[in-house]
């Protein structure tokens, strides 16, 4: 990256509906808002899976 990553507030985004991440990522459907975690236990191990489907 030519510049450092800037700190700030970021939102999850999923553009398109046909994204399928390979293992060990969970199976779709994937949420695009943090409300998918409402009512879940936030403690434990978190994993971040990123898929770049743009040229």
PDB file of N, CA and C in Angstrom:
ATOM      1  N   UNK A   1       0.843  -1.166   0.000  1.00  0.00           N
ATOM      2  CA  UNK A   1       0.000   0.000   0.000  1.00  0.00           C
ATOM      3  C   UNK A   1       0.890   1.232   0.000  1.00  0.00           C
ATOM      4  N   UNK A   2       0.548   2.194  -0.783  1.00  0.00           N
ATOM      5  CA  UNK A   2       1.387   3.381  -0.850  1.00  0.00           C
ATOM      6  C   UNK A   2       1.307   4.254   0.387  1.00  0.00           C
ATOM      7  N   UNK A   3       0.197   4.224   1.102  1.00  0.00           N
ATOM      8  CA  UNK A   3       0.039   5.037   2.313  1.00  0.00           C
ATOM      9  C   UNK A   3      -0.433   4.143   3.451  1.00  0.00           C
ATOM     10  N   UNK A   4      -0.234   4.547   4.702  1.00  0.00           N
ATOM     11  CA  UNK A   4      -0.723   3.727   5.808  1.00  0.00           C
ATOM     12  C   UNK A   4      -2.249   3.717   5.851  1.00  0.00           C
ATOM     13  N   UNK A   5      -2.813   2.667   6.439  1.00  0.00           N
ATOM     14  CA  UNK A   5      -4.253   2.592   6.604  1.00  0.00           C
ATOM     15  C   UNK A   5      -4.676   3.659   7.607  1.00  0.00           C
ATOM     16  N   UNK A   6      -5.711   4.376   7.272  1.00  0.00           N
ATOM     17  CA  UNK A   6      -6.185   5.468   8.113  1.00  0.00           C
ATOM     18  C   UNK A   6      -7.150   4.921   9.153  1.00  0.00           C
ATOM     19  N   UNK A   7      -6.974   5.358  10.391  1.00  0.00           N
ATOM     20  CA  UNK A   7      -7.908   4.920  11.426  1.00  0.00           C
ATOM     21  C   UNK A   7      -9.252   5.589  11.212  1.00  0.00           C
ATOM     22  N   UNK A   8     -10.291   4.927  11.664  1.00  0.00           N
ATOM     23  CA  UNK A   8     -11.621   5.492  11.512  1.00  0.00           C
ATOM     24  C   UNK A   8     -12.683   4.445  11.778  1.00  0.00           C
ATOM     25  N   UNK A   9     -13.895   4.741  11.384  1.00  0.00           N
ATOM     26  CA  UNK A   9     -15.014   3.824  11.543  1.00  0.00           C
ATOM     27  C   UNK A   9     -15.351   3.252  10.179  1.00  0.00           C
ATOM     28  N   UNK A  10     -15.439   1.941  10.111  1.00  0.00           N
ATOM     29  CA  UNK A  10     -15.706   1.268   8.847  1.00  0.00           C
ATOM     30  C   UNK A  10     -16.929   0.378   8.985  1.00  0.00           C
ATOM     31  N   UNK A  11     -17.655   0.194   7.907  1.00  0.00           N
ATOM     32  CA  UNK A  11     -18.841  -0.652   7.910  1.00  0.00           C
ATOM     33  C   UNK A  11     -18.606  -1.853   6.999  1.00  0.00           C
ATOM     34  N   UNK A  12     -19.156  -3.014   7.378  1.00  0.00           N
ATOM     35  CA  UNK A  12     -19.046  -4.167   6.491  1.00  0.00           C
ATOM     36  C   UNK A  12     -19.883  -3.922   5.234  1.00  0.00           C
ATOM     37  N   UNK A  13     -19.398  -4.401   4.130  1.00  0.00           N
ATOM     38  CA  UNK A  13     -20.092  -4.202   2.864  1.00  0.00           C
ATOM     39  C   UNK A  13     -20.035  -5.480   2.051  1.00  0.00           C
ATOM     40  N   UNK A  14     -21.133  -5.797   1.414  1.00  0.00           N
ATOM     41  CA  UNK A  14     -21.170  -6.930   0.497  1.00  0.00           C
ATOM     42  C   UNK A  14     -21.866  -6.470  -0.763  1.00  0.00           C
ATOM     43  N   UNK A  15     -21.089  -6.199  -1.809  1.00  0.00           N
ATOM     44  CA  UNK A  15     -21.649  -5.752  -3.074  1.00  0.00           C
ATOM     45  C   UNK A  15     -21.792  -6.983  -3.960  1.00  0.00           C
ATOM     46  N   UNK A  16     -23.010  -7.278  -4.342  1.00  0.00           N
ATOM     47  CA  UNK A  16     -23.279  -8.486  -5.111  1.00  0.00           C
ATOM     48  C   UNK A  16     -23.769  -9.582  -4.182  1.00  0.00           C
ATOM     49  N   UNK A  17     -24.373 -10.606  -4.766  1.00  0.00           N
ATOM     50  CA  UNK A  17     -24.939 -11.670  -3.933  1.00  0.00           C
ATOM     51  C   UNK A  17     -24.331 -13.033  -4.218  1.00  0.00           C
ATOM     52  N   UNK A  18     -23.424 -13.117  -5.150  1.00  0.00           N
ATOM     53  CA  UNK A  18     -22.900 -14.427  -5.540  1.00  0.00           C
ATOM     54  C   UNK A  18     -21.530 -14.728  -4.945  1.00  0.00           C
ATOM     55  N   UNK A  19     -21.127 -13.986  -3.925  1.00  0.00           N
ATOM     56  CA  UNK A  19     -19.824 -14.219  -3.315  1.00  0.00           C
ATOM     57  C   UNK A  19     -19.844 -15.503  -2.498  1.00  0.00           C
ATOM     58  N   UNK A  20     -18.871 -16.357  -2.735  1.00  0.00           N
ATOM     59  CA  UNK A  20     -18.724 -17.574  -1.934  1.00  0.00           C
ATOM     60  C   UNK A  20     -17.266 -17.676  -1.526  1.00  0.00           C
ATOM     61  N   UNK A  21     -17.025 -17.593  -0.228  1.00  0.00           N
ATOM     62  CA  UNK A  21     -15.671 -17.689   0.291  1.00  0.00           C
ATOM     63  C   UNK A  21     -15.275 -19.152   0.404  1.00  0.00           C
ATOM     64  N   UNK A  22     -14.007 -19.427   0.226  1.00  0.00           N
ATOM     65  CA  UNK A  22     -13.523 -20.798   0.344  1.00  0.00           C
ATOM     66  C   UNK A  22     -13.261 -21.141   1.809  1.00  0.00           C
ATOM     67  N   UNK A  23     -13.161 -22.409   2.102  1.00  0.00           N
ATOM     68  CA  UNK A  23     -12.896 -22.881   3.466  1.00  0.00           C
ATOM     69  C   UNK A  23     -11.591 -22.289   3.954  1.00  0.00           C
ATOM     70  N   UNK A  24     -11.521 -21.916   5.190  1.00  0.00           N
ATOM     71  CA  UNK A  24     -12.368 -22.266   6.330  1.00  0.00           C
ATOM     72  C   UNK A  24     -13.471 -21.257   6.623  1.00  0.00           C
ATOM     73  N   UNK A  25     -13.790 -20.376   5.693  1.00  0.00           N
ATOM     74  CA  UNK A  25     -14.860 -19.401   5.916  1.00  0.00           C
ATOM     75  C   UNK A  25     -16.200 -20.112   6.021  1.00  0.00           C
ATOM     76  N   UNK A  26     -17.143 -19.525   6.755  1.00  0.00           N
ATOM     77  CA  UNK A  26     -18.469 -20.135   6.852  1.00  0.00           C
ATOM     78  C   UNK A  26     -19.206 -20.062   5.520  1.00  0.00           C
ATOM     79  N   UNK A  27     -20.223 -20.869   5.381  1.00  0.00           N
ATOM     80  CA  UNK A  27     -21.029 -20.895   4.154  1.00  0.00           C
ATOM     81  C   UNK A  27     -21.945 -19.674   4.094  1.00  0.00           C
ATOM     82  N   UNK A  28     -22.342 -19.248   2.880  1.00  0.00           N
ATOM     83  CA  UNK A  28     -23.263 -18.125   2.747  1.00  0.00           C
ATOM     84  C   UNK A  28     -24.651 -18.501   3.280  1.00  0.00           C
ATOM     85  N   UNK A  29     -25.526 -17.551   3.507  1.00  0.00           N
ATOM     86  CA  UNK A  29     -25.443 -16.145   3.131  1.00  0.00           C
ATOM     87  C   UNK A  29     -24.615 -15.347   4.124  1.00  0.00           C
ATOM     88  N   UNK A  30     -24.015 -14.269   3.639  1.00  0.00           N
ATOM     89  CA  UNK A  30     -23.182 -13.409   4.457  1.00  0.00           C
ATOM     90  C   UNK A  30     -23.934 -12.113   4.738  1.00  0.00           C
ATOM     91  N   UNK A  31     -23.898 -11.669   5.982  1.00  0.00           N
ATOM     92  CA  UNK A  31     -24.545 -10.415   6.341  1.00  0.00           C
ATOM     93  C   UNK A  31     -23.703  -9.230   5.917  1.00  0.00           C
ATOM     94  N   UNK A  32     -24.356  -8.120   5.680  1.00  0.00           N
ATOM     95  CA  UNK A  32     -23.612  -6.907   5.328  1.00  0.00           C
ATOM     96  C   UNK A  32     -23.831  -5.804   6.352  1.00  0.00           C
ATOM     97  N   UNK A  33     -24.414  -6.149   7.497  1.00  0.00           N
ATOM     98  CA  UNK A  33     -24.561  -5.196   8.595  1.00  0.00           C
ATOM     99  C   UNK A  33     -24.141  -5.885   9.887  1.00  0.00           C
ATOM    100  N   UNK A  34     -23.742  -5.099  10.851  1.00  0.00           N
ATOM    101  CA  UNK A  34     -23.331  -5.672  12.131  1.00  0.00           C
ATOM    102  C   UNK A  34     -24.513  -6.178  12.945  1.00  0.00           C
ATOM    103  N   UNK A  35     -25.736  -5.870  12.519  1.00  0.00           N
ATOM    104  CA  UNK A  35     -26.908  -6.353  13.245  1.00  0.00           C
ATOM    105  C   UNK A  35     -27.046  -7.871  13.162  1.00  0.00           C
ATOM    106  N   UNK A  36     -26.311  -8.523  12.267  1.00  0.00           N
ATOM    107  CA  UNK A  36     -26.354  -9.988  12.208  1.00  0.00           C
ATOM    108  C   UNK A  36     -25.812 -10.599  13.497  1.00  0.00           C
ATOM    109  N   UNK A  37     -25.102  -9.806  14.292  1.00  0.00           N
ATOM    110  CA  UNK A  37     -24.550 -10.302  15.554  1.00  0.00           C
ATOM    111  C   UNK A  37     -25.445 -10.000  16.753  1.00  0.00           C
ATOM    112  N   UNK A  38     -26.579  -9.330  16.546  1.00  0.00           N
ATOM    113  CA  UNK A  38     -27.477  -9.016  17.657  1.00  0.00           C
ATOM    114  C   UNK A  38     -27.904 -10.289  18.365  1.00  0.00           C
ATOM    115  N   UNK A  39     -27.806 -10.289  19.684  1.00  0.00           N
ATOM    116  CA  UNK A  39     -28.232 -11.423  20.481  1.00  0.00           C
ATOM    117  C   UNK A  39     -27.229 -12.555  20.552  1.00  0.00           C
ATOM    118  N   UNK A  40     -26.056 -12.393  19.951  1.00  0.00           N
ATOM    119  CA  UNK A  40     -25.039 -13.441  20.009  1.00  0.00           C
ATOM    120  C   UNK A  40     -24.002 -13.093  21.066  1.00  0.00           C
ATOM    121  N   UNK A  41     -23.257 -14.077  21.499  1.00  0.00           N
ATOM    122  CA  UNK A  41     -22.214 -13.888  22.497  1.00  0.00           C
ATOM    123  C   UNK A  41     -20.964 -13.325  21.818  1.00  0.00           C
ATOM    124  N   UNK A  42     -20.498 -12.134  22.214  1.00  0.00           N
ATOM    125  CA  UNK A  42     -19.340 -11.526  21.567  1.00  0.00           C
ATOM    126  C   UNK A  42     -18.003 -12.110  22.020  1.00  0.00           C
ATOM    127  N   UNK A  43     -18.015 -12.943  23.044  1.00  0.00           N
ATOM    128  CA  UNK A  43     -16.770 -13.507  23.563  1.00  0.00           C
ATOM    129  C   UNK A  43     -16.349 -14.718  22.735  1.00  0.00           C
ATOM    130  N   UNK A  44     -15.052 -14.909  22.623  1.00  0.00           N
ATOM    131  CA  UNK A  44     -14.538 -16.062  21.891  1.00  0.00           C
ATOM    132  C   UNK A  44     -13.563 -15.638  20.814  1.00  0.00           C
ATOM    133  N   UNK A  45     -13.266 -16.547  19.934  1.00  0.00           N
ATOM    134  CA  UNK A  45     -12.323 -16.295  18.850  1.00  0.00           C
ATOM    135  C   UNK A  45     -13.061 -15.742  17.640  1.00  0.00           C
ATOM    136  N   UNK A  46     -12.579 -14.628  17.136  1.00  0.00           N
ATOM    137  CA  UNK A  46     -13.158 -14.009  15.948  1.00  0.00           C
ATOM    138  C   UNK A  46     -12.232 -14.265  14.754  1.00  0.00           C
ATOM    139  N   UNK A  47     -12.816 -14.385  13.584  1.00  0.00           N
ATOM    140  CA  UNK A  47     -12.049 -14.545  12.345  1.00  0.00           C
ATOM    141  C   UNK A  47     -12.562 -13.546  11.320  1.00  0.00           C
ATOM    142  N   UNK A  48     -11.666 -12.980  10.551  1.00  0.00           N
ATOM    143  CA  UNK A  48     -12.025 -12.039   9.497  1.00  0.00           C
ATOM    144  C   UNK A  48     -11.690 -12.679   8.161  1.00  0.00           C
ATOM    145  N   UNK A  49     -12.690 -12.768   7.286  1.00  0.00           N
ATOM    146  CA  UNK A  49     -12.498 -13.318   5.948  1.00  0.00           C
ATOM    147  C   UNK A  49     -12.775 -12.211   4.945  1.00  0.00           C
ATOM    148  N   UNK A  50     -11.852 -12.016   4.012  1.00  0.00           N
ATOM    149  CA  UNK A  50     -11.965 -10.936   3.038  1.00  0.00           C
ATOM    150  C   UNK A  50     -11.909 -11.539   1.644  1.00  0.00           C
ATOM    151  N   UNK A  51     -12.788 -11.060   0.767  1.00  0.00           N
ATOM    152  CA  UNK A  51     -12.818 -11.546  -0.609  1.00  0.00           C
ATOM    153  C   UNK A  51     -12.906 -10.333  -1.529  1.00  0.00           C
ATOM    154  N   UNK A  52     -11.931 -10.169  -2.396  1.00  0.00           N
ATOM    155  CA  UNK A  52     -11.895  -9.065  -3.339  1.00  0.00           C
ATOM    156  C   UNK A  52     -12.317  -9.599  -4.696  1.00  0.00           C
ATOM    157  N   UNK A  53     -13.542  -9.275  -5.112  1.00  0.00           N
ATOM    158  CA  UNK A  53     -14.027  -9.778  -6.391  1.00  0.00           C
ATOM    159  C   UNK A  53     -14.060  -8.706  -7.465  1.00  0.00           C
ATOM    160  N   UNK A  54     -13.360  -7.597  -7.236  1.00  0.00           N
ATOM    161  CA  UNK A  54     -13.290  -6.523  -8.211  1.00  0.00           C
ATOM    162  C   UNK A  54     -11.904  -6.481  -8.845  1.00  0.00           C
ATOM    163  N   UNK A  55     -11.877  -6.152 -10.095  1.00  0.00           N
ATOM    164  CA  UNK A  55     -10.610  -6.077 -10.813  1.00  0.00           C
ATOM    165  C   UNK A  55      -9.803  -4.864 -10.469  1.00  0.00           C
TER     166      UNK A  55
END
